[in-house]
Amino acid sequence: MIKVNFLGPIGLDSMDSNAKNFIELKEELEKIDSLKEWLPLCAIALNDNIIQDYNNITFNENDVISLLPPVCGG
């Protein structure tokens, strides 16, 4: 099982998932209406490392995925 964190203004509590890779996780997250606007905008981190190419990554037990929305500031 992996843990998924939703950071910043996404406003959702963390969740557990049995997804085995990013493709399965994306399919699961797309079913959450409040995430639909955020998914295309977010950077993704796997165990605190930003992931650029996640097509061939398989999750391990207890991995932590974080969705990081864009940040505005001044």
PDB file of N, CA and C in Angstrom:
ATOM      1  N   MET A   1       0.834  -1.166   0.000  1.00  0.00           N
ATOM      2  CA  MET A   1       0.000   0.000   0.000  1.00  0.00           C
ATOM      3  C   MET A   1       0.888   1.242   0.000  1.00  0.00           C
ATOM      4  N   ILE A   2       0.442   2.283  -0.709  1.00  0.00           N
ATOM      5  CA  ILE A   2       1.163   3.550  -0.745  1.00  0.00           C
ATOM      6  C   ILE A   2       0.306   4.618  -0.074  1.00  0.00           C
ATOM      7  N   LYS A   3       0.940   5.722   0.260  1.00  0.00           N
ATOM      8  CA  LYS A   3       0.229   6.856   0.838  1.00  0.00           C
ATOM      9  C   LYS A   3       0.295   7.999  -0.163  1.00  0.00           C
ATOM     10  N   VAL A   4      -0.818   8.699  -0.331  1.00  0.00           N
ATOM     11  CA  VAL A   4      -0.882   9.836  -1.244  1.00  0.00           C
ATOM     12  C   VAL A   4      -1.198  11.080  -0.426  1.00  0.00           C
ATOM     13  N   ASN A   5      -0.327  12.089  -0.522  1.00  0.00           N
ATOM     14  CA  ASN A   5      -0.513  13.360   0.169  1.00  0.00           C
ATOM     15  C   ASN A   5      -0.929  14.421  -0.836  1.00  0.00           C
ATOM     16  N   PHE A   6      -1.874  15.253  -0.428  1.00  0.00           N
ATOM     17  CA  PHE A   6      -2.359  16.358  -1.253  1.00  0.00           C
ATOM     18  C   PHE A   6      -1.946  17.650  -0.557  1.00  0.00           C
ATOM     19  N   LEU A   7      -0.983  18.349  -1.121  1.00  0.00           N
ATOM     20  CA  LEU A   7      -0.404  19.504  -0.446  1.00  0.00           C
ATOM     21  C   LEU A   7      -1.077  20.810  -0.834  1.00  0.00           C
ATOM     22  N   GLY A   8      -0.833  21.826  -0.028  1.00  0.00           N
ATOM     23  CA  GLY A   8      -1.294  23.180  -0.312  1.00  0.00           C
ATOM     24  C   GLY A   8      -2.794  23.301  -0.417  1.00  0.00           C
ATOM     25  N   PRO A   9      -3.251  24.100  -1.385  1.00  0.00           N
ATOM     26  CA  PRO A   9      -4.678  24.422  -1.478  1.00  0.00           C
ATOM     27  C   PRO A   9      -5.570  23.305  -2.008  1.00  0.00           C
ATOM     28  N   ILE A  10      -5.013  22.156  -2.311  1.00  0.00           N
ATOM     29  CA  ILE A  10      -5.862  21.053  -2.781  1.00  0.00           C
ATOM     30  C   ILE A  10      -6.912  20.737  -1.721  1.00  0.00           C
ATOM     31  N   GLY A  11      -6.515  20.765  -0.461  1.00  0.00           N
ATOM     32  CA  GLY A  11      -7.474  20.674   0.631  1.00  0.00           C
ATOM     33  C   GLY A  11      -8.054  19.303   0.909  1.00  0.00           C
ATOM     34  N   LEU A  12      -7.385  18.246   0.518  1.00  0.00           N
ATOM     35  CA  LEU A  12      -7.863  16.891   0.809  1.00  0.00           C
ATOM     36  C   LEU A  12      -6.953  16.225   1.828  1.00  0.00           C
ATOM     37  N   ASP A  13      -7.539  15.347   2.617  1.00  0.00           N
ATOM     38  CA  ASP A  13      -6.748  14.545   3.544  1.00  0.00           C
ATOM     39  C   ASP A  13      -5.951  13.508   2.764  1.00  0.00           C
ATOM     40  N   SER A  14      -4.853  13.070   3.344  1.00  0.00           N
ATOM     41  CA  SER A  14      -4.054  11.998   2.738  1.00  0.00           C
ATOM     42  C   SER A  14      -4.907  10.745   2.598  1.00  0.00           C
ATOM     43  N   MET A  15      -4.531   9.905   1.640  1.00  0.00           N
ATOM     44  CA  MET A  15      -5.263   8.656   1.432  1.00  0.00           C
ATOM     45  C   MET A  15      -4.286   7.528   1.164  1.00  0.00           C
ATOM     46  N   ASP A  16      -4.735   6.321   1.399  1.00  0.00           N
ATOM     47  CA  ASP A  16      -3.965   5.127   1.063  1.00  0.00           C
ATOM     48  C   ASP A  16      -4.465   4.582  -0.264  1.00  0.00           C
ATOM     49  N   SER A  17      -3.576   3.940  -0.996  1.00  0.00           N
ATOM     50  CA  SER A  17      -3.944   3.376  -2.287  1.00  0.00           C
ATOM     51  C   SER A  17      -3.198   2.057  -2.487  1.00  0.00           C
ATOM     52  N   ASN A  18      -3.814   1.178  -3.234  1.00  0.00           N
ATOM     53  CA  ASN A  18      -3.181  -0.079  -3.627  1.00  0.00           C
ATOM     54  C   ASN A  18      -2.649  -0.021  -5.054  1.00  0.00           C
ATOM     55  N   ALA A  19      -2.595   1.177  -5.633  1.00  0.00           N
ATOM     56  CA  ALA A  19      -2.076   1.325  -6.999  1.00  0.00           C
ATOM     57  C   ALA A  19      -0.647   0.794  -7.060  1.00  0.00           C
ATOM     58  N   LYS A  20      -0.326   0.167  -8.174  1.00  0.00           N
ATOM     59  CA  LYS A  20       0.998  -0.429  -8.341  1.00  0.00           C
ATOM     60  C   LYS A  20       1.941   0.471  -9.135  1.00  0.00           C
ATOM     61  N   ASN A  21       1.371   1.504  -9.804  1.00  0.00           N
ATOM     62  CA  ASN A  21       2.186   2.422 -10.604  1.00  0.00           C
ATOM     63  C   ASN A  21       1.404   3.717 -10.803  1.00  0.00           C
ATOM     64  N   PHE A  22       2.033   4.688 -11.480  1.00  0.00           N
ATOM     65  CA  PHE A  22       1.396   5.988 -11.663  1.00  0.00           C
ATOM     66  C   PHE A  22       0.163   5.921 -12.554  1.00  0.00           C
ATOM     67  N   ILE A  23       0.140   5.018 -13.503  1.00  0.00           N
ATOM     68  CA  ILE A  23      -1.029   4.892 -14.376  1.00  0.00           C
ATOM     69  C   ILE A  23      -2.247   4.486 -13.564  1.00  0.00           C
ATOM     70  N   GLU A  24      -2.092   3.480 -12.711  1.00  0.00           N
ATOM     71  CA  GLU A  24      -3.204   3.047 -11.860  1.00  0.00           C
ATOM     72  C   GLU A  24      -3.606   4.147 -10.886  1.00  0.00           C
ATOM     73  N   LEU A  25      -2.623   4.850 -10.339  1.00  0.00           N
ATOM     74  CA  LEU A  25      -2.927   5.910  -9.384  1.00  0.00           C
ATOM     75  C   LEU A  25      -3.684   7.038 -10.068  1.00  0.00           C
ATOM     76  N   LYS A  26      -3.268   7.422 -11.259  1.00  0.00           N
ATOM     77  CA  LYS A  26      -3.954   8.487 -11.990  1.00  0.00           C
ATOM     78  C   LYS A  26      -5.406   8.116 -12.247  1.00  0.00           C
ATOM     79  N   GLU A  27      -5.653   6.876 -12.648  1.00  0.00           N
ATOM     80  CA  GLU A  27      -7.028   6.424 -12.889  1.00  0.00           C
ATOM     81  C   GLU A  27      -7.858   6.528 -11.615  1.00  0.00           C
ATOM     82  N   GLU A  28      -7.261   6.191 -10.483  1.00  0.00           N
ATOM     83  CA  GLU A  28      -7.961   6.268  -9.196  1.00  0.00           C
ATOM     84  C   GLU A  28      -8.247   7.722  -8.815  1.00  0.00           C
ATOM     85  N   LEU A  29      -7.262   8.591  -8.988  1.00  0.00           N
ATOM     86  CA  LEU A  29      -7.415   9.987  -8.587  1.00  0.00           C
ATOM     87  C   LEU A  29      -8.376  10.748  -9.494  1.00  0.00           C
ATOM     88  N   GLU A  30      -8.454  10.370 -10.755  1.00  0.00           N
ATOM     89  CA  GLU A  30      -9.375  11.036 -11.677  1.00  0.00           C
ATOM     90  C   GLU A  30     -10.832  10.815 -11.310  1.00  0.00           C
ATOM     91  N   LYS A  31     -11.121   9.858 -10.473  1.00  0.00           N
ATOM     92  CA  LYS A  31     -12.490   9.598 -10.017  1.00  0.00           C
ATOM     93  C   LYS A  31     -12.915  10.554  -8.903  1.00  0.00           C
ATOM     94  N   ILE A  32     -11.983  11.339  -8.370  1.00  0.00           N
ATOM     95  CA  ILE A  32     -12.279  12.289  -7.298  1.00  0.00           C
ATOM     96  C   ILE A  32     -12.553  13.645  -7.942  1.00  0.00           C
ATOM     97  N   ASP A  33     -13.819  14.068  -7.917  1.00  0.00           N
ATOM     98  CA  ASP A  33     -14.221  15.286  -8.622  1.00  0.00           C
ATOM     99  C   ASP A  33     -13.388  16.508  -8.250  1.00  0.00           C
ATOM    100  N   SER A  34     -13.096  16.695  -6.981  1.00  0.00           N
ATOM    101  CA  SER A  34     -12.382  17.897  -6.550  1.00  0.00           C
ATOM    102  C   SER A  34     -10.920  17.908  -6.997  1.00  0.00           C
ATOM    103  N   LEU A  35     -10.408  16.798  -7.501  1.00  0.00           N
ATOM    104  CA  LEU A  35      -9.014  16.738  -7.981  1.00  0.00           C
ATOM    105  C   LEU A  35      -8.882  17.016  -9.472  1.00  0.00           C
ATOM    106  N   LYS A  36      -9.969  16.945 -10.207  1.00  0.00           N
ATOM    107  CA  LYS A  36      -9.892  17.041 -11.665  1.00  0.00           C
ATOM    108  C   LYS A  36      -9.192  18.311 -12.141  1.00  0.00           C
ATOM    109  N   GLU A  37      -9.426  19.438 -11.470  1.00  0.00           N
ATOM    110  CA  GLU A  37      -8.771  20.681 -11.895  1.00  0.00           C
ATOM    111  C   GLU A  37      -7.305  20.720 -11.494  1.00  0.00           C
ATOM    112  N   TRP A  38      -6.934  19.989 -10.442  1.00  0.00           N
ATOM    113  CA  TRP A  38      -5.565  20.032  -9.928  1.00  0.00           C
ATOM    114  C   TRP A  38      -4.611  19.076 -10.635  1.00  0.00           C
ATOM    115  N   LEU A  39      -5.073  17.920 -11.034  1.00  0.00           N
ATOM    116  CA  LEU A  39      -4.171  16.887 -11.565  1.00  0.00           C
ATOM    117  C   LEU A  39      -3.277  17.369 -12.711  1.00  0.00           C
ATOM    118  N   PRO A  40      -3.806  18.100 -13.687  1.00  0.00           N
ATOM    119  CA  PRO A  40      -2.913  18.521 -14.782  1.00  0.00           C
ATOM    120  C   PRO A  40      -1.882  19.573 -14.360  1.00  0.00           C
ATOM    121  N   LEU A  41      -2.107  20.217 -13.230  1.00  0.00           N
ATOM    122  CA  LEU A  41      -1.247  21.319 -12.794  1.00  0.00           C
ATOM    123  C   LEU A  41      -0.157  20.909 -11.817  1.00  0.00           C
ATOM    124  N   CYS A  42      -0.338  19.790 -11.156  1.00  0.00           N
ATOM    125  CA  CYS A  42       0.527  19.403 -10.040  1.00  0.00           C
ATOM    126  C   CYS A  42       1.829  18.755 -10.480  1.00  0.00           C
ATOM    127  N   ALA A  43       2.871  19.080  -9.732  1.00  0.00           N
ATOM    128  CA  ALA A  43       4.107  18.298  -9.801  1.00  0.00           C
ATOM    129  C   ALA A  43       3.878  17.080  -8.910  1.00  0.00           C
ATOM    130  N   ILE A  44       4.636  16.026  -9.148  1.00  0.00           N
ATOM    131  CA  ILE A  44       4.475  14.796  -8.385  1.00  0.00           C
ATOM    132  C   ILE A  44       5.807  14.411  -7.765  1.00  0.00           C
ATOM    133  N   ALA A  45       5.748  14.079  -6.485  1.00  0.00           N
ATOM    134  CA  ALA A  45       6.954  13.622  -5.788  1.00  0.00           C
ATOM    135  C   ALA A  45       6.742  12.191  -5.318  1.00  0.00           C
ATOM    136  N   LEU A  46       7.789  11.401  -5.441  1.00  0.00           N
ATOM    137  CA  LEU A  46       7.815  10.035  -4.935  1.00  0.00           C
ATOM    138  C   LEU A  46       8.879   9.998  -3.849  1.00  0.00           C
ATOM    139  N   ASN A  47       8.443   9.765  -2.617  1.00  0.00           N
ATOM    140  CA  ASN A  47       9.366   9.745  -1.470  1.00  0.00           C
ATOM    141  C   ASN A  47      10.227  11.006  -1.431  1.00  0.00           C
ATOM    142  N   ASP A  48       9.587  12.155  -1.582  1.00  0.00           N
ATOM    143  CA  ASP A  48      10.202  13.487  -1.492  1.00  0.00           C
ATOM    144  C   ASP A  48      11.128  13.840  -2.656  1.00  0.00           C
ATOM    145  N   ASN A  49      11.080  13.096  -3.740  1.00  0.00           N
ATOM    146  CA  ASN A  49      11.855  13.408  -4.940  1.00  0.00           C
ATOM    147  C   ASN A  49      10.901  13.701  -6.091  1.00  0.00           C
ATOM    148  N   ILE A  50      11.044  14.886  -6.691  1.00  0.00           N
ATOM    149  CA  ILE A  50      10.184  15.248  -7.814  1.00  0.00           C
ATOM    150  C   ILE A  50      10.443  14.289  -8.971  1.00  0.00           C
ATOM    151  N   ILE A  51       9.363  13.800  -9.560  1.00  0.00           N
ATOM    152  CA  ILE A  51       9.437  12.835 -10.652  1.00  0.00           C
ATOM    153  C   ILE A  51       9.069  13.530 -11.958  1.00  0.00           C
ATOM    154  N   GLN A  52       9.912  13.416 -12.966  1.00  0.00           N
ATOM    155  CA  GLN A  52       9.632  13.989 -14.288  1.00  0.00           C
ATOM    156  C   GLN A  52       9.029  12.934 -15.222  1.00  0.00           C
ATOM    157  N   ASP A  53       9.634  11.764 -15.250  1.00  0.00           N
ATOM    158  CA  ASP A  53       9.171  10.695 -16.138  1.00  0.00           C
ATOM    159  C   ASP A  53       8.731   9.520 -15.274  1.00  0.00           C
ATOM    160  N   TYR A  54       7.438   9.373 -15.107  1.00  0.00           N
ATOM    161  CA  TYR A  54       6.936   8.360 -14.186  1.00  0.00           C
ATOM    162  C   TYR A  54       6.249   7.203 -14.894  1.00  0.00           C
ATOM    163  N   ASN A  55       6.448   7.081 -16.189  1.00  0.00           N
ATOM    164  CA  ASN A  55       5.788   6.009 -16.933  1.00  0.00           C
ATOM    165  C   ASN A  55       6.286   4.612 -16.570  1.00  0.00           C
ATOM    166  N   ASN A  56       7.538   4.463 -16.186  1.00  0.00           N
ATOM    167  CA  ASN A  56       8.086   3.137 -15.932  1.00  0.00           C
ATOM    168  C   ASN A  56       8.384   2.866 -14.458  1.00  0.00           C
ATOM    169  N   ILE A  57       7.807   3.665 -13.574  1.00  0.00           N
ATOM    170  CA  ILE A  57       8.061   3.485 -12.147  1.00  0.00           C
ATOM    171  C   ILE A  57       6.977   2.611 -11.532  1.00  0.00           C
ATOM    172  N   THR A  58       7.416   1.610 -10.797  1.00  0.00           N
ATOM    173  CA  THR A  58       6.510   0.742 -10.044  1.00  0.00           C
ATOM    174  C   THR A  58       6.666   1.085  -8.574  1.00  0.00           C
ATOM    175  N   PHE A  59       5.547   1.189  -7.883  1.00  0.00           N
ATOM    176  CA  PHE A  59       5.581   1.544  -6.466  1.00  0.00           C
ATOM    177  C   PHE A  59       6.030   0.371  -5.612  1.00  0.00           C
ATOM    178  N   ASN A  60       6.673   0.699  -4.505  1.00  0.00           N
ATOM    179  CA  ASN A  60       7.033  -0.267  -3.473  1.00  0.00           C
ATOM    180  C   ASN A  60       6.132  -0.051  -2.261  1.00  0.00           C
ATOM    181  N   GLU A  61       6.011  -1.047  -1.444  1.00  0.00           N
ATOM    182  CA  GLU A  61       5.233  -0.946  -0.212  1.00  0.00           C
ATOM    183  C   GLU A  61       5.708   0.268   0.588  1.00  0.00           C
ATOM    184  N   ASN A  62       4.773   1.045   1.085  1.00  0.00           N
ATOM    185  CA  ASN A  62       5.015   2.228   1.926  1.00  0.00           C
ATOM    186  C   ASN A  62       5.619   3.420   1.188  1.00  0.00           C
ATOM    187  N   ASP A  63       5.624   3.425  -0.139  1.00  0.00           N
ATOM    188  CA  ASP A  63       6.031   4.621  -0.858  1.00  0.00           C
ATOM    189  C   ASP A  63       5.062   5.755  -0.525  1.00  0.00           C
ATOM    190  N   VAL A  64       5.556   6.991  -0.610  1.00  0.00           N
ATOM    191  CA  VAL A  64       4.731   8.168  -0.366  1.00  0.00           C
ATOM    192  C   VAL A  64       4.736   9.025  -1.628  1.00  0.00           C
ATOM    193  N   ILE A  65       3.545   9.266  -2.156  1.00  0.00           N
ATOM    194  CA  ILE A  65       3.359  10.103  -3.327  1.00  0.00           C
ATOM    195  C   ILE A  65       2.772  11.423  -2.836  1.00  0.00           C
ATOM    196  N   SER A  66       3.322  12.534  -3.322  1.00  0.00           N
ATOM    197  CA  SER A  66       2.791  13.841  -2.956  1.00  0.00           C
ATOM    198  C   SER A  66       2.426  14.602  -4.219  1.00  0.00           C
ATOM    199  N   LEU A  67       1.231  15.180  -4.217  1.00  0.00           N
ATOM    200  CA  LEU A  67       0.808  16.053  -5.297  1.00  0.00           C
ATOM    201  C   LEU A  67       1.055  17.490  -4.851  1.00  0.00           C
ATOM    202  N   LEU A  68       1.875  18.202  -5.630  1.00  0.00           N
ATOM    203  CA  LEU A  68       2.296  19.547  -5.267  1.00  0.00           C
ATOM    204  C   LEU A  68       1.707  20.544  -6.270  1.00  0.00           C
ATOM    205  N   PRO A  69       0.706  21.321  -5.841  1.00  0.00           N
ATOM    206  CA  PRO A  69       0.117  22.293  -6.760  1.00  0.00           C
ATOM    207  C   PRO A  69       1.072  23.463  -6.992  1.00  0.00           C
ATOM    208  N   PRO A  70       0.868  24.208  -8.086  1.00  0.00           N
ATOM    209  CA  PRO A  70       1.712  25.381  -8.309  1.00  0.00           C
ATOM    210  C   PRO A  70       1.506  26.381  -7.183  1.00  0.00           C
ATOM    211  N   VAL A  71       2.546  27.156  -6.920  1.00  0.00           N
ATOM    212  CA  VAL A  71       2.497  28.113  -5.817  1.00  0.00           C
ATOM    213  C   VAL A  71       2.658  29.521  -6.367  1.00  0.00           C
ATOM    214  N   CYS A  72       1.827  30.404  -5.883  1.00  0.00           N
ATOM    215  CA  CYS A  72       1.956  31.815  -6.230  1.00  0.00           C
ATOM    216  C   CYS A  72       2.520  32.543  -5.021  1.00  0.00           C
ATOM    217  N   GLY A  73       3.280  33.544  -5.261  1.00  0.00           N
ATOM    218  CA  GLY A  73       3.824  34.298  -4.147  1.00  0.00           C
ATOM    219  C   GLY A  73       4.479  35.576  -4.628  1.00  0.00           C
ATOM    220  N   GLY A  74       4.865  36.366  -3.674  1.00  0.00           N
ATOM    221  CA  GLY A  74       5.463  37.628  -4.075  1.00  0.00           C
ATOM    222  C   GLY A  74       6.488  38.061  -3.073  1.00  0.00           C
TER     223      GLY A  74
END
